[in-house]
Amino acid sequence: MKISKTHPRYESLKYRHRLVEGLKKGYVTQSGLISHGRGEAFDYLIGEKTIPEAWEAEKAAVALMLLSKDPVISVNGNTAALCPKELVDLAVSLDAKLEVNLYYRTLKREKLIERILKKNGAEEVYGVGRKANKVVPNLDSDRSKVDSLGIWASDVVLVPLEDGDRVESLVAMGKKVVSIDLNPVSRTTRKASIAIVDNVVRAAANMIRLAADMKGMDREALKSVLDGFDNGENLEKTIRTMRQDIS
């Protein structure tokens, strides 16, 4: 379907149709469409733009991932449909691995997402098929299956989109978790080490730009950025911004 760029909802409609195409091709699920709709509702509350609080969280997240030894970006069906190129570019910028991790896990979906990521420049994709050979403790879903060389070995995991139970379990394993979730009161957001309340497409693009600027910083400067960020305080400011926008 061709969408006119003059349509006031052009960006939103463009991403909706990417998800619909992903559903038709078999790597996006029906519940993924529901999740996206829920996220859109929260995006309205921040004016469908990156608010200052999100930018600060994105900056802190980039600092954390640049300081980490083995960062991993988790990819599901929705993110593969919405911003595969951005996630691949972000992984390159942060020297991070890409791992497929799915709630509704099938080998077909894993392979389709792997193919999309490689089409967009990824050299290696973790967590596909038998490579998902470890089990995250205290997580009763197929999301518990992770790659021994990917999420299992990581010290920092970027988890785009709502995924509260896995975030909680990864944190319990001692990992730092960066979430991207438009719901500021979800369990994903509340349990993450750094919570980014932004559209995943905007957040990934912002983090690529930030990484380009911050890669030249020494470790002390990166630690200063990270130490100056308070996740709880940032979330409270985010909620206040949402309230102001609808008052």
C-alpha atoms as a PDB file:
ATOM      1  CA  MET A   1       0.000   0.000   0.000  1.00  0.00           C
ATOM      2  CA  LYS A   2       1.336   3.426  -0.967  1.00  0.00           C
ATOM      3  CA  ILE A   3       1.086   6.042   1.784  1.00  0.00           C
ATOM      4  CA  SER A   4       1.192   9.704   0.844  1.00  0.00           C
ATOM      5  CA  LYS A   5       3.988  11.608   2.574  1.00  0.00           C
ATOM      6  CA  THR A   6       1.543  14.498   3.001  1.00  0.00           C
ATOM      7  CA  HIS A   7      -0.653  12.360   5.269  1.00  0.00           C
ATOM      8  CA  PRO A   8      -0.505  13.756   8.846  1.00  0.00           C
ATOM      9  CA  ARG A   9       0.000  10.215  10.153  1.00  0.00           C
ATOM     10  CA  TYR A  10       2.591   9.251   7.518  1.00  0.00           C
ATOM     11  CA  GLU A  11       5.328   8.025   9.890  1.00  0.00           C
ATOM     12  CA  SER A  12       2.905   6.116  12.079  1.00  0.00           C
ATOM     13  CA  LEU A  13       1.181   4.487   9.093  1.00  0.00           C
ATOM     14  CA  LYS A  14       4.529   3.600   7.510  1.00  0.00           C
ATOM     15  CA  TYR A  15       5.605   1.651  10.584  1.00  0.00           C
ATOM     16  CA  ARG A  16       2.205  -0.002  10.984  1.00  0.00           C
ATOM     17  CA  HIS A  17       2.461  -1.327   7.430  1.00  0.00           C
ATOM     18  CA  ARG A  18       5.972  -2.628   8.057  1.00  0.00           C
ATOM     19  CA  LEU A  19       4.531  -4.699  10.883  1.00  0.00           C
ATOM     20  CA  VAL A  20       1.625  -5.898   8.743  1.00  0.00           C
ATOM     21  CA  GLU A  21       4.108  -7.021   6.072  1.00  0.00           C
ATOM     22  CA  GLY A  22       6.122  -8.783   8.760  1.00  0.00           C
ATOM     23  CA  LEU A  23       2.963 -10.553   9.904  1.00  0.00           C
ATOM     24  CA  LYS A  24       2.220 -11.695   6.347  1.00  0.00           C
ATOM     25  CA  LYS A  25       5.776 -12.997   5.945  1.00  0.00           C
ATOM     26  CA  GLY A  26       5.643 -14.843   9.251  1.00  0.00           C
ATOM     27  CA  TYR A  27       8.156 -13.181  11.537  1.00  0.00           C
ATOM     28  CA  VAL A  28       5.796 -10.745  13.308  1.00  0.00           C
ATOM     29  CA  THR A  29       3.014 -12.210  15.455  1.00  0.00           C
ATOM     30  CA  GLN A  30      -0.553 -11.029  15.941  1.00  0.00           C
ATOM     31  CA  SER A  31       0.225 -10.141  19.551  1.00  0.00           C
ATOM     32  CA  GLY A  32       3.112  -8.033  18.238  1.00  0.00           C
ATOM     33  CA  LEU A  33       0.579  -5.817  16.466  1.00  0.00           C
ATOM     34  CA  ILE A  34      -1.285  -5.344  19.743  1.00  0.00           C
ATOM     35  CA  SER A  35       1.942  -4.438  21.527  1.00  0.00           C
ATOM     36  CA  HIS A  36       2.761  -1.844  18.882  1.00  0.00           C
ATOM     37  CA  GLY A  37      -0.681  -0.268  19.222  1.00  0.00           C
ATOM     38  CA  ARG A  38      -0.218   0.025  22.965  1.00  0.00           C
ATOM     39  CA  GLY A  39       3.129   1.704  22.408  1.00  0.00           C
ATOM     40  CA  GLU A  40       1.623   4.154  19.928  1.00  0.00           C
ATOM     41  CA  ALA A  41      -0.827   5.316  22.586  1.00  0.00           C
ATOM     42  CA  PHE A  42       2.040   6.272  24.895  1.00  0.00           C
ATOM     43  CA  ASP A  43       3.923   7.852  21.996  1.00  0.00           C
ATOM     44  CA  TYR A  44       1.027  10.284  21.551  1.00  0.00           C
ATOM     45  CA  LEU A  45       1.578  11.425  25.133  1.00  0.00           C
ATOM     46  CA  ILE A  46       5.131  12.572  24.359  1.00  0.00           C
ATOM     47  CA  GLY A  47       4.189  14.205  21.089  1.00  0.00           C
ATOM     48  CA  GLU A  48       5.710  11.422  18.962  1.00  0.00           C
ATOM     49  CA  LYS A  49       9.155  12.893  19.456  1.00  0.00           C
ATOM     50  CA  THR A  50      12.238  12.248  21.555  1.00  0.00           C
ATOM     51  CA  ILE A  51      11.759  14.189  24.763  1.00  0.00           C
ATOM     52  CA  PRO A  52      14.791  15.495  26.712  1.00  0.00           C
ATOM     53  CA  GLU A  53      14.477  12.733  29.315  1.00  0.00           C
ATOM     54  CA  ALA A  54      14.676  10.065  26.620  1.00  0.00           C
ATOM     55  CA  TRP A  55      17.725  11.721  25.091  1.00  0.00           C
ATOM     56  CA  GLU A  56      19.474  11.692  28.473  1.00  0.00           C
ATOM     57  CA  ALA A  57      18.645   8.006  28.924  1.00  0.00           C
ATOM     58  CA  GLU A  58      19.913   7.228  25.432  1.00  0.00           C
ATOM     59  CA  LYS A  59      23.157   9.053  26.170  1.00  0.00           C
ATOM     60  CA  ALA A  60      23.603   7.102  29.414  1.00  0.00           C
ATOM     61  CA  ALA A  61      22.818   3.840  27.615  1.00  0.00           C
ATOM     62  CA  VAL A  62      25.458   4.509  24.979  1.00  0.00           C
ATOM     63  CA  ALA A  63      27.993   5.315  27.707  1.00  0.00           C
ATOM     64  CA  LEU A  64      27.144   2.063  29.504  1.00  0.00           C
ATOM     65  CA  MET A  65      27.438  -0.031  26.364  1.00  0.00           C
ATOM     66  CA  LEU A  66      30.713   1.592  25.313  1.00  0.00           C
ATOM     67  CA  LEU A  67      32.094   0.831  28.768  1.00  0.00           C
ATOM     68  CA  SER A  68      30.881  -2.776  28.718  1.00  0.00           C
ATOM     69  CA  LYS A  69      32.998  -5.796  27.803  1.00  0.00           C
ATOM     70  CA  ASP A  70      30.369  -7.809  25.933  1.00  0.00           C
ATOM     71  CA  PRO A  71      27.185  -5.903  25.014  1.00  0.00           C
ATOM     72  CA  VAL A  72      24.322  -7.616  23.181  1.00  0.00           C
ATOM     73  CA  ILE A  73      21.297  -6.191  21.370  1.00  0.00           C
ATOM     74  CA  SER A  74      18.247  -8.461  21.575  1.00  0.00           C
ATOM     75  CA  VAL A  75      16.023  -8.560  18.484  1.00  0.00           C
ATOM     76  CA  ASN A  76      12.411  -9.725  18.209  1.00  0.00           C
ATOM     77  CA  GLY A  77       9.890  -9.757  15.364  1.00  0.00           C
ATOM     78  CA  ASN A  78       8.666  -6.194  15.813  1.00  0.00           C
ATOM     79  CA  THR A  79      12.133  -4.670  15.884  1.00  0.00           C
ATOM     80  CA  ALA A  80      13.154  -6.729  12.853  1.00  0.00           C
ATOM     81  CA  ALA A  81      10.201  -5.217  11.001  1.00  0.00           C
ATOM     82  CA  LEU A  82      10.573  -1.649  12.263  1.00  0.00           C
ATOM     83  CA  CYS A  83      14.291  -0.881  12.260  1.00  0.00           C
ATOM     84  CA  PRO A  84      16.601  -3.748  11.244  1.00  0.00           C
ATOM     85  CA  LYS A  85      19.158  -1.485   9.533  1.00  0.00           C
ATOM     86  CA  GLU A  86      19.308   0.826  12.533  1.00  0.00           C
ATOM     87  CA  LEU A  87      19.867  -2.096  14.916  1.00  0.00           C
ATOM     88  CA  VAL A  88      22.646  -3.500  12.750  1.00  0.00           C
ATOM     89  CA  ASP A  89      24.283  -0.062  12.493  1.00  0.00           C
ATOM     90  CA  LEU A  90      23.914   0.431  16.240  1.00  0.00           C
ATOM     91  CA  ALA A  91      25.550  -2.934  16.918  1.00  0.00           C
ATOM     92  CA  VAL A  92      28.494  -1.925  14.730  1.00  0.00           C
ATOM     93  CA  SER A  93      28.724   1.487  16.444  1.00  0.00           C
ATOM     94  CA  LEU A  94      28.811  -0.092  19.903  1.00  0.00           C
ATOM     95  CA  ASP A  95      30.767  -3.231  18.976  1.00  0.00           C
ATOM     96  CA  ALA A  96      27.768  -5.231  20.178  1.00  0.00           C
ATOM     97  CA  LYS A  97      26.366  -8.618  19.181  1.00  0.00           C
ATOM     98  CA  LEU A  98      22.870  -9.159  17.764  1.00  0.00           C
ATOM     99  CA  GLU A  99      20.796 -12.020  19.193  1.00  0.00           C
ATOM    100  CA  VAL A 100      17.346 -13.202  18.148  1.00  0.00           C
ATOM    101  CA  ASN A 101      15.153 -13.776  21.205  1.00  0.00           C
ATOM    102  CA  LEU A 102      11.452 -14.579  20.845  1.00  0.00           C
ATOM    103  CA  TYR A 103       8.474 -15.281  23.082  1.00  0.00           C
ATOM    104  CA  TYR A 104       6.687 -17.188  20.298  1.00  0.00           C
ATOM    105  CA  ARG A 105       9.801 -19.042  19.252  1.00  0.00           C
ATOM    106  CA  THR A 106       9.894 -21.116  16.090  1.00  0.00           C
ATOM    107  CA  LEU A 107      12.895 -21.983  13.955  1.00  0.00           C
ATOM    108  CA  LYS A 108      11.125 -20.424  10.957  1.00  0.00           C
ATOM    109  CA  ARG A 109      10.758 -17.057  12.709  1.00  0.00           C
ATOM    110  CA  GLU A 110      14.345 -17.182  13.957  1.00  0.00           C
ATOM    111  CA  LYS A 111      15.665 -17.882  10.462  1.00  0.00           C
ATOM    112  CA  LEU A 112      13.525 -15.146   8.898  1.00  0.00           C
ATOM    113  CA  ILE A 113      14.792 -12.562  11.377  1.00  0.00           C
ATOM    114  CA  GLU A 114      18.373 -13.764  10.937  1.00  0.00           C
ATOM    115  CA  ARG A 115      17.970 -13.349   7.175  1.00  0.00           C
ATOM    116  CA  ILE A 116      16.604  -9.805   7.579  1.00  0.00           C
ATOM    117  CA  LEU A 117      19.479  -8.768   9.840  1.00  0.00           C
ATOM    118  CA  LYS A 118      22.082 -10.225   7.494  1.00  0.00           C
ATOM    119  CA  LYS A 119      20.392  -8.543   4.525  1.00  0.00           C
ATOM    120  CA  ASN A 120      20.877  -5.277   6.419  1.00  0.00           C
ATOM    121  CA  GLY A 121      24.564  -5.860   7.004  1.00  0.00           C
ATOM    122  CA  ALA A 122      24.895  -8.127  10.047  1.00  0.00           C
ATOM    123  CA  GLU A 123      27.843 -10.506   9.771  1.00  0.00           C
ATOM    124  CA  GLU A 124      26.770 -12.819  12.572  1.00  0.00           C
ATOM    125  CA  VAL A 125      23.467 -13.339  14.365  1.00  0.00           C
ATOM    126  CA  TYR A 126      23.287 -15.208  17.675  1.00  0.00           C
ATOM    127  CA  GLY A 127      20.484 -17.203  19.275  1.00  0.00           C
ATOM    128  CA  VAL A 128      19.208 -19.003  16.175  1.00  0.00           C
ATOM    129  CA  GLY A 129      18.307 -22.690  16.358  1.00  0.00           C
ATOM    130  CA  ARG A 130      20.744 -24.815  18.345  1.00  0.00           C
ATOM    131  CA  LYS A 131      22.869 -21.774  19.151  1.00  0.00           C
ATOM    132  CA  ALA A 132      20.237 -20.924  21.808  1.00  0.00           C
ATOM    133  CA  ASN A 133      21.785 -23.530  24.100  1.00  0.00           C
ATOM    134  CA  LYS A 134      21.503 -21.920  27.539  1.00  0.00           C
ATOM    135  CA  VAL A 135      18.481 -21.244  29.756  1.00  0.00           C
ATOM    136  CA  VAL A 136      18.004 -18.057  31.777  1.00  0.00           C
ATOM    137  CA  PRO A 137      17.005 -19.078  35.329  1.00  0.00           C
ATOM    138  CA  ASN A 138      13.524 -18.321  36.678  1.00  0.00           C
ATOM    139  CA  LEU A 139      12.024 -17.477  33.291  1.00  0.00           C
ATOM    140  CA  ASP A 140       9.128 -19.703  32.214  1.00  0.00           C
ATOM    141  CA  SER A 141       8.945 -18.987  28.487  1.00  0.00           C
ATOM    142  CA  ASP A 142      10.925 -19.634  25.340  1.00  0.00           C
ATOM    143  CA  ARG A 143      12.600 -16.257  25.892  1.00  0.00           C
ATOM    144  CA  SER A 144      14.683 -18.102  28.469  1.00  0.00           C
ATOM    145  CA  LYS A 145      16.615 -19.792  25.639  1.00  0.00           C
ATOM    146  CA  VAL A 146      19.746 -17.762  24.906  1.00  0.00           C
ATOM    147  CA  ASP A 147      23.063 -18.168  23.144  1.00  0.00           C
ATOM    148  CA  SER A 148      26.044 -19.146  25.308  1.00  0.00           C
ATOM    149  CA  LEU A 149      28.185 -16.736  23.280  1.00  0.00           C
ATOM    150  CA  GLY A 150      25.545 -13.996  23.217  1.00  0.00           C
ATOM    151  CA  ILE A 151      23.130 -12.935  25.949  1.00  0.00           C
ATOM    152  CA  TRP A 152      24.363 -15.638  28.335  1.00  0.00           C
ATOM    153  CA  ALA A 153      27.947 -14.294  28.235  1.00  0.00           C
ATOM    154  CA  SER A 154      26.967 -10.616  28.082  1.00  0.00           C
ATOM    155  CA  ASP A 155      27.391  -7.990  30.751  1.00  0.00           C
ATOM    156  CA  VAL A 156      24.934  -5.507  29.176  1.00  0.00           C
ATOM    157  CA  VAL A 157      21.791  -6.347  27.188  1.00  0.00           C
ATOM    158  CA  LEU A 158      19.732  -3.862  25.174  1.00  0.00           C
ATOM    159  CA  VAL A 159      16.116  -5.038  25.204  1.00  0.00           C
ATOM    160  CA  PRO A 160      13.903  -3.102  22.792  1.00  0.00           C
ATOM    161  CA  LEU A 161      10.148  -3.231  23.505  1.00  0.00           C
ATOM    162  CA  GLU A 162       8.149  -4.515  26.450  1.00  0.00           C
ATOM    163  CA  ASP A 163       9.650  -7.625  28.038  1.00  0.00           C
ATOM    164  CA  GLY A 164       9.318  -7.345  31.817  1.00  0.00           C
ATOM    165  CA  ASP A 165       9.828 -10.927  32.933  1.00  0.00           C
ATOM    166  CA  ARG A 166      13.034 -11.346  30.923  1.00  0.00           C
ATOM    167  CA  VAL A 167      14.414  -7.986  32.066  1.00  0.00           C
ATOM    168  CA  GLU A 168      13.828  -8.995  35.669  1.00  0.00           C
ATOM    169  CA  SER A 169      15.535 -12.369  35.183  1.00  0.00           C
ATOM    170  CA  LEU A 170      18.535 -10.871  33.369  1.00  0.00           C
ATOM    171  CA  VAL A 171      19.029  -8.292  36.120  1.00  0.00           C
ATOM    172  CA  ALA A 172      18.843 -11.104  38.690  1.00  0.00           C
ATOM    173  CA  MET A 173      21.714 -12.778  36.785  1.00  0.00           C
ATOM    174  CA  GLY A 174      23.815  -9.682  37.459  1.00  0.00           C
ATOM    175  CA  LYS A 175      23.524  -8.125  34.009  1.00  0.00           C
ATOM    176  CA  LYS A 176      22.846  -4.486  33.253  1.00  0.00           C
ATOM    177  CA  VAL A 177      19.756  -4.092  31.081  1.00  0.00           C
ATOM    178  CA  VAL A 178      18.849  -1.153  28.863  1.00  0.00           C
ATOM    179  CA  SER A 179      15.176  -1.121  27.889  1.00  0.00           C
ATOM    180  CA  ILE A 180      13.398   0.771  25.124  1.00  0.00           C
ATOM    181  CA  ASP A 181       9.713   0.905  26.004  1.00  0.00           C
ATOM    182  CA  LEU A 182       7.194   3.737  25.558  1.00  0.00           C
ATOM    183  CA  ASN A 183       5.300   2.726  28.703  1.00  0.00           C
ATOM    184  CA  PRO A 184       6.999   4.508  31.635  1.00  0.00           C
ATOM    185  CA  VAL A 185       5.249   2.365  34.251  1.00  0.00           C
ATOM    186  CA  SER A 186       5.707  -1.090  32.711  1.00  0.00           C
ATOM    187  CA  ARG A 187       7.675  -3.739  34.553  1.00  0.00           C
ATOM    188  CA  THR A 188      10.210  -3.613  31.717  1.00  0.00           C
ATOM    189  CA  THR A 189      10.860   0.059  32.377  1.00  0.00           C
ATOM    190  CA  ARG A 190      10.809  -0.240  36.159  1.00  0.00           C
ATOM    191  CA  LYS A 191      13.190  -3.199  36.308  1.00  0.00           C
ATOM    192  CA  ALA A 192      15.721  -1.980  33.725  1.00  0.00           C
ATOM    193  CA  SER A 193      19.064  -0.513  34.723  1.00  0.00           C
ATOM    194  CA  ILE A 194      18.503   2.282  32.190  1.00  0.00           C
ATOM    195  CA  ALA A 195      15.008   2.812  30.783  1.00  0.00           C
ATOM    196  CA  ILE A 196      14.561   4.688  27.518  1.00  0.00           C
ATOM    197  CA  VAL A 197      10.995   5.921  27.005  1.00  0.00           C
ATOM    198  CA  ASP A 198      11.020   6.514  23.262  1.00  0.00           C
ATOM    199  CA  ASN A 199       9.928   4.969  19.991  1.00  0.00           C
ATOM    200  CA  VAL A 200      12.434   2.230  19.160  1.00  0.00           C
ATOM    201  CA  VAL A 201      13.080   3.629  15.675  1.00  0.00           C
ATOM    202  CA  ARG A 202      13.926   7.080  17.037  1.00  0.00           C
ATOM    203  CA  ALA A 203      15.916   5.642  19.927  1.00  0.00           C
ATOM    204  CA  ALA A 204      18.099   3.464  17.706  1.00  0.00           C
ATOM    205  CA  ALA A 205      18.812   6.364  15.335  1.00  0.00           C
ATOM    206  CA  ASN A 206      19.606   8.680  18.261  1.00  0.00           C
ATOM    207  CA  MET A 207      21.962   6.157  19.819  1.00  0.00           C
ATOM    208  CA  ILE A 208      23.846   5.723  16.545  1.00  0.00           C
ATOM    209  CA  ARG A 209      24.454   9.487  16.430  1.00  0.00           C
ATOM    210  CA  LEU A 210      25.435   9.561  20.102  1.00  0.00           C
ATOM    211  CA  ALA A 211      27.834   6.641  19.666  1.00  0.00           C
ATOM    212  CA  ALA A 212      29.577   8.458  16.819  1.00  0.00           C
ATOM    213  CA  ASP A 213      30.163  11.443  19.129  1.00  0.00           C
ATOM    214  CA  MET A 214      31.010   9.470  22.268  1.00  0.00           C
ATOM    215  CA  LYS A 215      33.352   6.780  20.939  1.00  0.00           C
ATOM    216  CA  GLY A 216      36.216   9.234  21.152  1.00  0.00           C
ATOM    217  CA  MET A 217      35.640   9.869  24.855  1.00  0.00           C
ATOM    218  CA  ASP A 218      37.959   8.222  27.369  1.00  0.00           C
ATOM    219  CA  ARG A 219      36.591   5.830  29.998  1.00  0.00           C
ATOM    220  CA  GLU A 220      36.561   8.437  32.750  1.00  0.00           C
ATOM    221  CA  ALA A 221      34.462  10.788  30.629  1.00  0.00           C
ATOM    222  CA  LEU A 222      32.046   7.959  29.798  1.00  0.00           C
ATOM    223  CA  LYS A 223      31.810   7.022  33.481  1.00  0.00           C
ATOM    224  CA  SER A 224      31.027  10.656  34.275  1.00  0.00           C
ATOM    225  CA  VAL A 225      28.082  10.568  31.847  1.00  0.00           C
ATOM    226  CA  LEU A 226      26.840   7.348  33.414  1.00  0.00           C
ATOM    227  CA  ASP A 227      27.330   8.509  37.006  1.00  0.00           C
ATOM    228  CA  GLY A 228      25.391  11.708  36.267  1.00  0.00           C
ATOM    229  CA  PHE A 229      22.299   9.745  35.211  1.00  0.00           C
ATOM    230  CA  ASP A 230      19.631   8.722  37.748  1.00  0.00           C
ATOM    231  CA  ASN A 231      17.181   6.267  36.199  1.00  0.00           C
ATOM    232  CA  GLY A 232      14.441   6.672  38.809  1.00  0.00           C
ATOM    233  CA  GLU A 233      14.598  10.441  38.683  1.00  0.00           C
ATOM    234  CA  ASN A 234      14.578  10.394  34.886  1.00  0.00           C
ATOM    235  CA  LEU A 235      11.437   8.245  34.840  1.00  0.00           C
ATOM    236  CA  GLU A 236       9.664  10.585  37.241  1.00  0.00           C
ATOM    237  CA  LYS A 237      10.526  13.511  34.976  1.00  0.00           C
ATOM    238  CA  THR A 238       9.241  11.525  31.996  1.00  0.00           C
ATOM    239  CA  ILE A 239       5.878  10.952  33.663  1.00  0.00           C
ATOM    240  CA  ARG A 240       5.636  14.648  34.561  1.00  0.00           C
ATOM    241  CA  THR A 241       6.331  15.546  30.936  1.00  0.00           C
ATOM    242  CA  MET A 242       3.542  13.228  29.805  1.00  0.00           C
ATOM    243  CA  ARG A 243       1.120  14.799  32.271  1.00  0.00           C
ATOM    244  CA  GLN A 244       2.028  18.295  31.141  1.00  0.00           C
ATOM    245  CA  ASP A 245       1.445  17.417  27.514  1.00  0.00           C
ATOM    246  CA  ILE A 246      -2.114  16.240  28.164  1.00  0.00           C
ATOM    247  CA  SER A 247      -3.087  18.919  30.704  1.00  0.00           C
END
